[in-house]
Amino acid sequence: MSAFNDVITPGKFDNMYYLNLKRGLGLLSSDHALVKDPRTRPFVDLYAADQAAFFKAFAHAMEKLAHQGVKTGRKGEVRHRCDAFNFIQG
């Protein structure tokens, strides 16, 4: 089973997720919390109004993640499926 975070433009990378949050169309309770929390609401408002600001912030976050490195071996694993541990025969 799968669900789209954005039912309006599910195949497009854009800021529609944030526009949908403001319309009450968040999928998870954590999505709705972004709108309700005064600490995160300004980001929802900004990214809903300014797609370029969302793209810039997203690119910056991806750069930060890239510096973290991939944890493998005993420290972690790259999962074949995000919802399950890899099965290792041994």
PDB file of N, CA and C in Angstrom:
ATOM      1  N   MET A   1       0.841  -1.174   0.000  1.00  0.00           N
ATOM      2  CA  MET A   1       0.000   0.000   0.000  1.00  0.00           C
ATOM      3  C   MET A   1       0.892   1.245   0.000  1.00  0.00           C
ATOM      4  N   SER A   2       0.502   2.228  -0.727  1.00  0.00           N
ATOM      5  CA  SER A   2       1.241   3.486  -0.735  1.00  0.00           C
ATOM      6  C   SER A   2       0.260   4.646  -0.776  1.00  0.00           C
ATOM      7  N   ALA A   3       0.754   5.801  -0.379  1.00  0.00           N
ATOM      8  CA  ALA A   3      -0.063   7.020  -0.397  1.00  0.00           C
ATOM      9  C   ALA A   3       0.832   8.180  -0.790  1.00  0.00           C
ATOM     10  N   PHE A   4       0.272   9.101  -1.516  1.00  0.00           N
ATOM     11  CA  PHE A   4       1.019  10.286  -1.917  1.00  0.00           C
ATOM     12  C   PHE A   4       0.896  11.367  -0.856  1.00  0.00           C
ATOM     13  N   ASN A   5       1.997  12.038  -0.557  1.00  0.00           N
ATOM     14  CA  ASN A   5       1.932  13.207   0.328  1.00  0.00           C
ATOM     15  C   ASN A   5       1.238  14.367  -0.366  1.00  0.00           C
ATOM     16  N   ASP A   6       1.235  14.333  -1.676  1.00  0.00           N
ATOM     17  CA  ASP A   6       0.643  15.409  -2.469  1.00  0.00           C
ATOM     18  C   ASP A   6      -0.220  14.786  -3.557  1.00  0.00           C
ATOM     19  N   VAL A   7      -1.522  14.819  -3.389  1.00  0.00           N
ATOM     20  CA  VAL A   7      -2.433  14.209  -4.363  1.00  0.00           C
ATOM     21  C   VAL A   7      -2.690  15.111  -5.566  1.00  0.00           C
ATOM     22  N   ILE A   8      -2.315  16.373  -5.483  1.00  0.00           N
ATOM     23  CA  ILE A   8      -2.558  17.324  -6.571  1.00  0.00           C
ATOM     24  C   ILE A   8      -1.517  17.159  -7.682  1.00  0.00           C
ATOM     25  N   THR A   9      -0.234  17.102  -7.300  1.00  0.00           N
ATOM     26  CA  THR A   9       0.852  16.932  -8.278  1.00  0.00           C
ATOM     27  C   THR A   9       1.798  15.821  -7.812  1.00  0.00           C
ATOM     28  N   PRO A  10       1.317  14.575  -7.711  1.00  0.00           N
ATOM     29  CA  PRO A  10       2.126  13.502  -7.122  1.00  0.00           C
ATOM     30  C   PRO A  10       3.392  13.156  -7.902  1.00  0.00           C
ATOM     31  N   GLY A  11       3.432  13.399  -9.197  1.00  0.00           N
ATOM     32  CA  GLY A  11       4.601  13.051  -9.993  1.00  0.00           C
ATOM     33  C   GLY A  11       5.542  14.216 -10.233  1.00  0.00           C
ATOM     34  N   LYS A  12       5.318  15.330  -9.540  1.00  0.00           N
ATOM     35  CA  LYS A  12       6.111  16.531  -9.775  1.00  0.00           C
ATOM     36  C   LYS A  12       6.761  16.987  -8.475  1.00  0.00           C
ATOM     37  N   PHE A  13       8.024  17.395  -8.560  1.00  0.00           N
ATOM     38  CA  PHE A  13       8.715  17.946  -7.390  1.00  0.00           C
ATOM     39  C   PHE A  13       8.442  19.441  -7.351  1.00  0.00           C
ATOM     40  N   ASP A  14       7.625  19.866  -6.397  1.00  0.00           N
ATOM     41  CA  ASP A  14       7.250  21.267  -6.286  1.00  0.00           C
ATOM     42  C   ASP A  14       6.876  21.578  -4.841  1.00  0.00           C
ATOM     43  N   ASN A  15       6.296  22.731  -4.609  1.00  0.00           N
ATOM     44  CA  ASN A  15       5.918  23.137  -3.255  1.00  0.00           C
ATOM     45  C   ASN A  15       4.444  22.875  -2.934  1.00  0.00           C
ATOM     46  N   MET A  16       3.774  22.076  -3.742  1.00  0.00           N
ATOM     47  CA  MET A  16       2.344  21.818  -3.535  1.00  0.00           C
ATOM     48  C   MET A  16       2.068  21.182  -2.170  1.00  0.00           C
ATOM     49  N   TYR A  17       3.008  20.402  -1.658  1.00  0.00           N
ATOM     50  CA  TYR A  17       2.861  19.805  -0.324  1.00  0.00           C
ATOM     51  C   TYR A  17       2.533  20.896   0.698  1.00  0.00           C
ATOM     52  N   TYR A  18       3.259  22.016   0.642  1.00  0.00           N
ATOM     53  CA  TYR A  18       3.045  23.097   1.612  1.00  0.00           C
ATOM     54  C   TYR A  18       1.739  23.836   1.358  1.00  0.00           C
ATOM     55  N   LEU A  19       1.373  23.997   0.109  1.00  0.00           N
ATOM     56  CA  LEU A  19       0.069  24.589  -0.203  1.00  0.00           C
ATOM     57  C   LEU A  19      -1.049  23.696   0.317  1.00  0.00           C
ATOM     58  N   ASN A  20      -0.889  22.386   0.154  1.00  0.00           N
ATOM     59  CA  ASN A  20      -1.890  21.433   0.656  1.00  0.00           C
ATOM     60  C   ASN A  20      -1.988  21.469   2.173  1.00  0.00           C
ATOM     61  N   LEU A  21      -0.854  21.618   2.864  1.00  0.00           N
ATOM     62  CA  LEU A  21      -0.891  21.705   4.327  1.00  0.00           C
ATOM     63  C   LEU A  21      -1.765  22.867   4.777  1.00  0.00           C
ATOM     64  N   LYS A  22      -1.634  23.980   4.106  1.00  0.00           N
ATOM     65  CA  LYS A  22      -2.436  25.157   4.481  1.00  0.00           C
ATOM     66  C   LYS A  22      -3.916  24.937   4.210  1.00  0.00           C
ATOM     67  N   ARG A  23      -4.240  24.020   3.315  1.00  0.00           N
ATOM     68  CA  ARG A  23      -5.643  23.673   3.005  1.00  0.00           C
ATOM     69  C   ARG A  23      -6.161  22.552   3.900  1.00  0.00           C
ATOM     70  N   GLY A  24      -5.332  22.064   4.828  1.00  0.00           N
ATOM     71  CA  GLY A  24      -5.732  20.981   5.714  1.00  0.00           C
ATOM     72  C   GLY A  24      -5.636  19.612   5.075  1.00  0.00           C
ATOM     73  N   LEU A  25      -4.811  19.478   4.032  1.00  0.00           N
ATOM     74  CA  LEU A  25      -4.716  18.218   3.298  1.00  0.00           C
ATOM     75  C   LEU A  25      -3.454  17.423   3.616  1.00  0.00           C
ATOM     76  N   GLY A  26      -2.909  17.585   4.806  1.00  0.00           N
ATOM     77  CA  GLY A  26      -1.757  16.785   5.206  1.00  0.00           C
ATOM     78  C   GLY A  26      -2.160  15.334   5.400  1.00  0.00           C
ATOM     79  N   LEU A  27      -1.243  14.435   5.094  1.00  0.00           N
ATOM     80  CA  LEU A  27      -1.526  13.007   5.187  1.00  0.00           C
ATOM     81  C   LEU A  27      -1.381  12.484   6.624  1.00  0.00           C
ATOM     82  N   LEU A  28      -0.334  12.896   7.303  1.00  0.00           N
ATOM     83  CA  LEU A  28      -0.029  12.390   8.648  1.00  0.00           C
ATOM     84  C   LEU A  28      -0.276  13.462   9.706  1.00  0.00           C
ATOM     85  N   SER A  29      -0.390  13.034  10.942  1.00  0.00           N
ATOM     86  CA  SER A  29      -0.582  14.009  12.024  1.00  0.00           C
ATOM     87  C   SER A  29       0.635  14.930  12.131  1.00  0.00           C
ATOM     88  N   SER A  30       1.823  14.410  11.811  1.00  0.00           N
ATOM     89  CA  SER A  30       3.022  15.252  11.838  1.00  0.00           C
ATOM     90  C   SER A  30       2.951  16.345  10.770  1.00  0.00           C
ATOM     91  N   ASP A  31       2.281  16.075   9.649  1.00  0.00           N
ATOM     92  CA  ASP A  31       2.083  17.100   8.620  1.00  0.00           C
ATOM     93  C   ASP A  31       1.234  18.241   9.178  1.00  0.00           C
ATOM     94  N   HIS A  32       0.151  17.897   9.841  1.00  0.00           N
ATOM     95  CA  HIS A  32      -0.743  18.911  10.416  1.00  0.00           C
ATOM     96  C   HIS A  32      -0.038  19.697  11.517  1.00  0.00           C
ATOM     97  N   ALA A  33       0.868  19.026  12.247  1.00  0.00           N
ATOM     98  CA  ALA A  33       1.596  19.699  13.316  1.00  0.00           C
ATOM     99  C   ALA A  33       2.490  20.809  12.771  1.00  0.00           C
ATOM    100  N   LEU A  34       3.004  20.642  11.544  1.00  0.00           N
ATOM    101  CA  LEU A  34       3.833  21.692  10.942  1.00  0.00           C
ATOM    102  C   LEU A  34       3.068  23.001  10.794  1.00  0.00           C
ATOM    103  N   VAL A  35       1.785  22.905  10.508  1.00  0.00           N
ATOM    104  CA  VAL A  35       0.945  24.098  10.338  1.00  0.00           C
ATOM    105  C   VAL A  35       0.549  24.677  11.692  1.00  0.00           C
ATOM    106  N   LYS A  36       0.284  23.823  12.651  1.00  0.00           N
ATOM    107  CA  LYS A  36      -0.217  24.278  13.949  1.00  0.00           C
ATOM    108  C   LYS A  36       0.871  24.850  14.859  1.00  0.00           C
ATOM    109  N   ASP A  37       2.087  24.357  14.724  1.00  0.00           N
ATOM    110  CA  ASP A  37       3.170  24.763  15.625  1.00  0.00           C
ATOM    111  C   ASP A  37       3.708  26.138  15.203  1.00  0.00           C
ATOM    112  N   PRO A  38       3.731  27.103  16.113  1.00  0.00           N
ATOM    113  CA  PRO A  38       4.217  28.441  15.749  1.00  0.00           C
ATOM    114  C   PRO A  38       5.697  28.469  15.363  1.00  0.00           C
ATOM    115  N   ARG A  39       6.445  27.434  15.746  1.00  0.00           N
ATOM    116  CA  ARG A  39       7.865  27.375  15.373  1.00  0.00           C
ATOM    117  C   ARG A  39       8.059  26.952  13.923  1.00  0.00           C
ATOM    118  N   THR A  40       7.129  26.165  13.375  1.00  0.00           N
ATOM    119  CA  THR A  40       7.286  25.655  12.007  1.00  0.00           C
ATOM    120  C   THR A  40       6.317  26.301  11.020  1.00  0.00           C
ATOM    121  N   ARG A  41       5.269  26.930  11.501  1.00  0.00           N
ATOM    122  CA  ARG A  41       4.292  27.565  10.609  1.00  0.00           C
ATOM    123  C   ARG A  41       4.925  28.590   9.659  1.00  0.00           C
ATOM    124  N   PRO A  42       5.901  29.394  10.105  1.00  0.00           N
ATOM    125  CA  PRO A  42       6.517  30.341   9.165  1.00  0.00           C
ATOM    126  C   PRO A  42       7.189  29.648   7.968  1.00  0.00           C
ATOM    127  N   PHE A  43       7.729  28.458   8.179  1.00  0.00           N
ATOM    128  CA  PHE A  43       8.336  27.721   7.070  1.00  0.00           C
ATOM    129  C   PHE A  43       7.271  27.216   6.098  1.00  0.00           C
ATOM    130  N   VAL A  44       6.165  26.737   6.635  1.00  0.00           N
ATOM    131  CA  VAL A  44       5.049  26.299   5.778  1.00  0.00           C
ATOM    132  C   VAL A  44       4.558  27.479   4.939  1.00  0.00           C
ATOM    133  N   ASP A  45       4.374  28.620   5.583  1.00  0.00           N
ATOM    134  CA  ASP A  45       3.902  29.813   4.869  1.00  0.00           C
ATOM    135  C   ASP A  45       4.898  30.240   3.795  1.00  0.00           C
ATOM    136  N   LEU A  46       6.177  30.259   4.137  1.00  0.00           N
ATOM    137  CA  LEU A  46       7.206  30.681   3.191  1.00  0.00           C
ATOM    138  C   LEU A  46       7.272  29.737   1.992  1.00  0.00           C
ATOM    139  N   TYR A  47       7.357  28.430   2.252  1.00  0.00           N
ATOM    140  CA  TYR A  47       7.508  27.470   1.160  1.00  0.00           C
ATOM    141  C   TYR A  47       6.243  27.358   0.317  1.00  0.00           C
ATOM    142  N   ALA A  48       5.079  27.594   0.906  1.00  0.00           N
ATOM    143  CA  ALA A  48       3.837  27.600   0.134  1.00  0.00           C
ATOM    144  C   ALA A  48       3.797  28.807  -0.805  1.00  0.00           C
ATOM    145  N   ALA A  49       4.317  29.930  -0.348  1.00  0.00           N
ATOM    146  CA  ALA A  49       4.265  31.164  -1.140  1.00  0.00           C
ATOM    147  C   ALA A  49       5.415  31.300  -2.124  1.00  0.00           C
ATOM    148  N   ASP A  50       6.540  30.637  -1.845  1.00  0.00           N
ATOM    149  CA  ASP A  50       7.753  30.869  -2.635  1.00  0.00           C
ATOM    150  C   ASP A  50       8.446  29.539  -2.953  1.00  0.00           C
ATOM    151  N   GLN A  51       8.136  28.993  -4.118  1.00  0.00           N
ATOM    152  CA  GLN A  51       8.720  27.705  -4.517  1.00  0.00           C
ATOM    153  C   GLN A  51      10.249  27.783  -4.610  1.00  0.00           C
ATOM    154  N   ALA A  52      10.790  28.908  -5.038  1.00  0.00           N
ATOM    155  CA  ALA A  52      12.243  29.060  -5.131  1.00  0.00           C
ATOM    156  C   ALA A  52      12.891  28.955  -3.748  1.00  0.00           C
ATOM    157  N   ALA A  53      12.246  29.525  -2.727  1.00  0.00           N
ATOM    158  CA  ALA A  53      12.767  29.421  -1.355  1.00  0.00           C
ATOM    159  C   ALA A  53      12.751  27.966  -0.895  1.00  0.00           C
ATOM    160  N   PHE A  54      11.686  27.236  -1.238  1.00  0.00           N
ATOM    161  CA  PHE A  54      11.626  25.811  -0.896  1.00  0.00           C
ATOM    162  C   PHE A  54      12.751  25.049  -1.587  1.00  0.00           C
ATOM    163  N   PHE A  55      12.947  25.281  -2.884  1.00  0.00           N
ATOM    164  CA  PHE A  55      14.010  24.587  -3.621  1.00  0.00           C
ATOM    165  C   PHE A  55      15.385  24.889  -3.023  1.00  0.00           C
ATOM    166  N   LYS A  56      15.622  26.143  -2.656  1.00  0.00           N
ATOM    167  CA  LYS A  56      16.911  26.523  -2.074  1.00  0.00           C
ATOM    168  C   LYS A  56      17.129  25.825  -0.734  1.00  0.00           C
ATOM    169  N   ALA A  57      16.111  25.811   0.125  1.00  0.00           N
ATOM    170  CA  ALA A  57      16.224  25.167   1.428  1.00  0.00           C
ATOM    171  C   ALA A  57      16.391  23.652   1.275  1.00  0.00           C
ATOM    172  N   PHE A  58      15.685  23.072   0.316  1.00  0.00           N
ATOM    173  CA  PHE A  58      15.795  21.631   0.078  1.00  0.00           C
ATOM    174  C   PHE A  58      17.205  21.280  -0.383  1.00  0.00           C
ATOM    175  N   ALA A  59      17.745  22.060  -1.307  1.00  0.00           N
ATOM    176  CA  ALA A  59      19.104  21.808  -1.805  1.00  0.00           C
ATOM    177  C   ALA A  59      20.119  21.909  -0.672  1.00  0.00           C
ATOM    178  N   HIS A  60      19.952  22.898   0.193  1.00  0.00           N
ATOM    179  CA  HIS A  60      20.859  23.059   1.330  1.00  0.00           C
ATOM    180  C   HIS A  60      20.778  21.853   2.274  1.00  0.00           C
ATOM    181  N   ALA A  61      19.578  21.382   2.537  1.00  0.00           N
ATOM    182  CA  ALA A  61      19.398  20.217   3.411  1.00  0.00           C
ATOM    183  C   ALA A  61      20.036  18.972   2.796  1.00  0.00           C
ATOM    184  N   MET A  62      19.898  18.805   1.495  1.00  0.00           N
ATOM    185  CA  MET A  62      20.502  17.652   0.824  1.00  0.00           C
ATOM    186  C   MET A  62      22.029  17.716   0.887  1.00  0.00           C
ATOM    187  N   GLU A  63      22.590  18.910   0.768  1.00  0.00           N
ATOM    188  CA  GLU A  63      24.042  19.077   0.896  1.00  0.00           C
ATOM    189  C   GLU A  63      24.503  18.676   2.295  1.00  0.00           C
ATOM    190  N   LYS A  64      23.764  19.088   3.309  1.00  0.00           N
ATOM    191  CA  LYS A  64      24.121  18.733   4.685  1.00  0.00           C
ATOM    192  C   LYS A  64      24.062  17.221   4.886  1.00  0.00           C
ATOM    193  N   LEU A  65      23.034  16.585   4.340  1.00  0.00           N
ATOM    194  CA  LEU A  65      22.910  15.126   4.458  1.00  0.00           C
ATOM    195  C   LEU A  65      24.045  14.405   3.752  1.00  0.00           C
ATOM    196  N   ALA A  66      24.483  14.932   2.634  1.00  0.00           N
ATOM    197  CA  ALA A  66      25.555  14.298   1.866  1.00  0.00           C
ATOM    198  C   ALA A  66      26.848  14.218   2.671  1.00  0.00           C
ATOM    199  N   HIS A  67      27.047  15.144   3.584  1.00  0.00           N
ATOM    200  CA  HIS A  67      28.266  15.148   4.395  1.00  0.00           C
ATOM    201  C   HIS A  67      28.220  14.148   5.546  1.00  0.00           C
ATOM    202  N   GLN A  68      27.055  13.571   5.796  1.00  0.00           N
ATOM    203  CA  GLN A  68      26.912  12.622   6.895  1.00  0.00           C
ATOM    204  C   GLN A  68      27.499  11.257   6.568  1.00  0.00           C
ATOM    205  N   GLY A  69      27.530  10.912   5.294  1.00  0.00           N
ATOM    206  CA  GLY A  69      28.056   9.611   4.904  1.00  0.00           C
ATOM    207  C   GLY A  69      27.026   8.516   5.095  1.00  0.00           C
ATOM    208  N   VAL A  70      27.253   7.405   4.436  1.00  0.00           N
ATOM    209  CA  VAL A  70      26.356   6.260   4.519  1.00  0.00           C
ATOM    210  C   VAL A  70      26.891   5.307   5.571  1.00  0.00           C
ATOM    211  N   LYS A  71      26.055   4.930   6.502  1.00  0.00           N
ATOM    212  CA  LYS A  71      26.457   3.992   7.546  1.00  0.00           C
ATOM    213  C   LYS A  71      26.233   2.565   7.044  1.00  0.00           C
ATOM    214  N   THR A  72      27.282   1.783   7.077  1.00  0.00           N
ATOM    215  CA  THR A  72      27.193   0.404   6.617  1.00  0.00           C
ATOM    216  C   THR A  72      27.867  -0.514   7.638  1.00  0.00           C
ATOM    217  N   GLY A  73      27.812  -1.796   7.360  1.00  0.00           N
ATOM    218  CA  GLY A  73      28.419  -2.776   8.269  1.00  0.00           C
ATOM    219  C   GLY A  73      27.696  -2.799   9.595  1.00  0.00           C
ATOM    220  N   ARG A  74      28.428  -2.783  10.681  1.00  0.00           N
ATOM    221  CA  ARG A  74      27.830  -2.825  12.020  1.00  0.00           C
ATOM    222  C   ARG A  74      27.189  -1.504  12.425  1.00  0.00           C
ATOM    223  N   LYS A  75      27.476  -0.441  11.717  1.00  0.00           N
ATOM    224  CA  LYS A  75      26.938   0.882  12.051  1.00  0.00           C
ATOM    225  C   LYS A  75      25.582   1.151  11.406  1.00  0.00           C
ATOM    226  N   GLY A  76      25.204   0.379  10.399  1.00  0.00           N
ATOM    227  CA  GLY A  76      23.935   0.609   9.728  1.00  0.00           C
ATOM    228  C   GLY A  76      23.896  -0.116   8.399  1.00  0.00           C
ATOM    229  N   GLU A  77      22.878   0.153   7.620  1.00  0.00           N
ATOM    230  CA  GLU A  77      22.746  -0.505   6.325  1.00  0.00           C
ATOM    231  C   GLU A  77      21.930   0.350   5.373  1.00  0.00           C
ATOM    232  N   VAL A  78      22.163   0.168   4.095  1.00  0.00           N
ATOM    233  CA  VAL A  78      21.333   0.776   3.073  1.00  0.00           C
ATOM    234  C   VAL A  78      20.254  -0.249   2.781  1.00  0.00           C
ATOM    235  N   ARG A  79      19.023   0.071   3.092  1.00  0.00           N
ATOM    236  CA  ARG A  79      17.942  -0.905   2.962  1.00  0.00           C
ATOM    237  C   ARG A  79      17.488  -1.062   1.517  1.00  0.00           C
ATOM    238  N   HIS A  80      17.153  -2.297   1.175  1.00  0.00           N
ATOM    239  CA  HIS A  80      16.583  -2.578  -0.141  1.00  0.00           C
ATOM    240  C   HIS A  80      15.132  -2.102  -0.183  1.00  0.00           C
ATOM    241  N   ARG A  81      14.462  -2.179   0.965  1.00  0.00           N
ATOM    242  CA  ARG A  81      13.106  -1.651   1.157  1.00  0.00           C
ATOM    243  C   ARG A  81      13.140  -0.798   2.406  1.00  0.00           C
ATOM    244  N   CYS A  82      12.619   0.408   2.334  1.00  0.00           N
ATOM    245  CA  CYS A  82      12.727   1.317   3.473  1.00  0.00           C
ATOM    246  C   CYS A  82      11.923   0.867   4.691  1.00  0.00           C
ATOM    247  N   ASP A  83      10.955  -0.015   4.480  1.00  0.00           N
ATOM    248  CA  ASP A  83      10.088  -0.440   5.592  1.00  0.00           C
ATOM    249  C   ASP A  83      10.503  -1.753   6.223  1.00  0.00           C
ATOM    250  N   ALA A  84      11.681  -2.292   5.845  1.00  0.00           N
ATOM    251  CA  ALA A  84      12.102  -3.582   6.404  1.00  0.00           C
ATOM    252  C   ALA A  84      13.622  -3.678   6.443  1.00  0.00           C
ATOM    253  N   PHE A  85      14.138  -4.373   7.456  1.00  0.00           N
ATOM    254  CA  PHE A  85      15.572  -4.642   7.527  1.00  0.00           C
ATOM    255  C   PHE A  85      15.953  -5.578   6.386  1.00  0.00           C
ATOM    256  N   ASN A  86      17.183  -5.429   5.895  1.00  0.00           N
ATOM    257  CA  ASN A  86      17.674  -6.371   4.889  1.00  0.00           C
ATOM    258  C   ASN A  86      17.866  -7.727   5.549  1.00  0.00           C
ATOM    259  N   PHE A  87      17.524  -8.768   4.838  1.00  0.00           N
ATOM    260  CA  PHE A  87      17.698 -10.126   5.351  1.00  0.00           C
ATOM    261  C   PHE A  87      19.058 -10.628   4.909  1.00  0.00           C
ATOM    262  N   ILE A  88      19.879 -10.986   5.880  1.00  0.00           N
ATOM    263  CA  ILE A  88      21.211 -11.486   5.578  1.00  0.00           C
ATOM    264  C   ILE A  88      21.274 -12.961   5.933  1.00  0.00           C
ATOM    265  N   GLN A  89      21.589 -13.757   4.950  1.00  0.00           N
ATOM    266  CA  GLN A  89      21.727 -15.194   5.200  1.00  0.00           C
ATOM    267  C   GLN A  89      23.130 -15.456   5.723  1.00  0.00           C
ATOM    268  N   GLY A  90      23.216 -16.357   6.680  1.00  0.00           N
ATOM    269  CA  GLY A  90      24.560 -16.617   7.179  1.00  0.00           C
ATOM    270  C   GLY A  90      24.687 -17.799   8.001  1.00  0.00           C
TER     271      GLY A  90
END
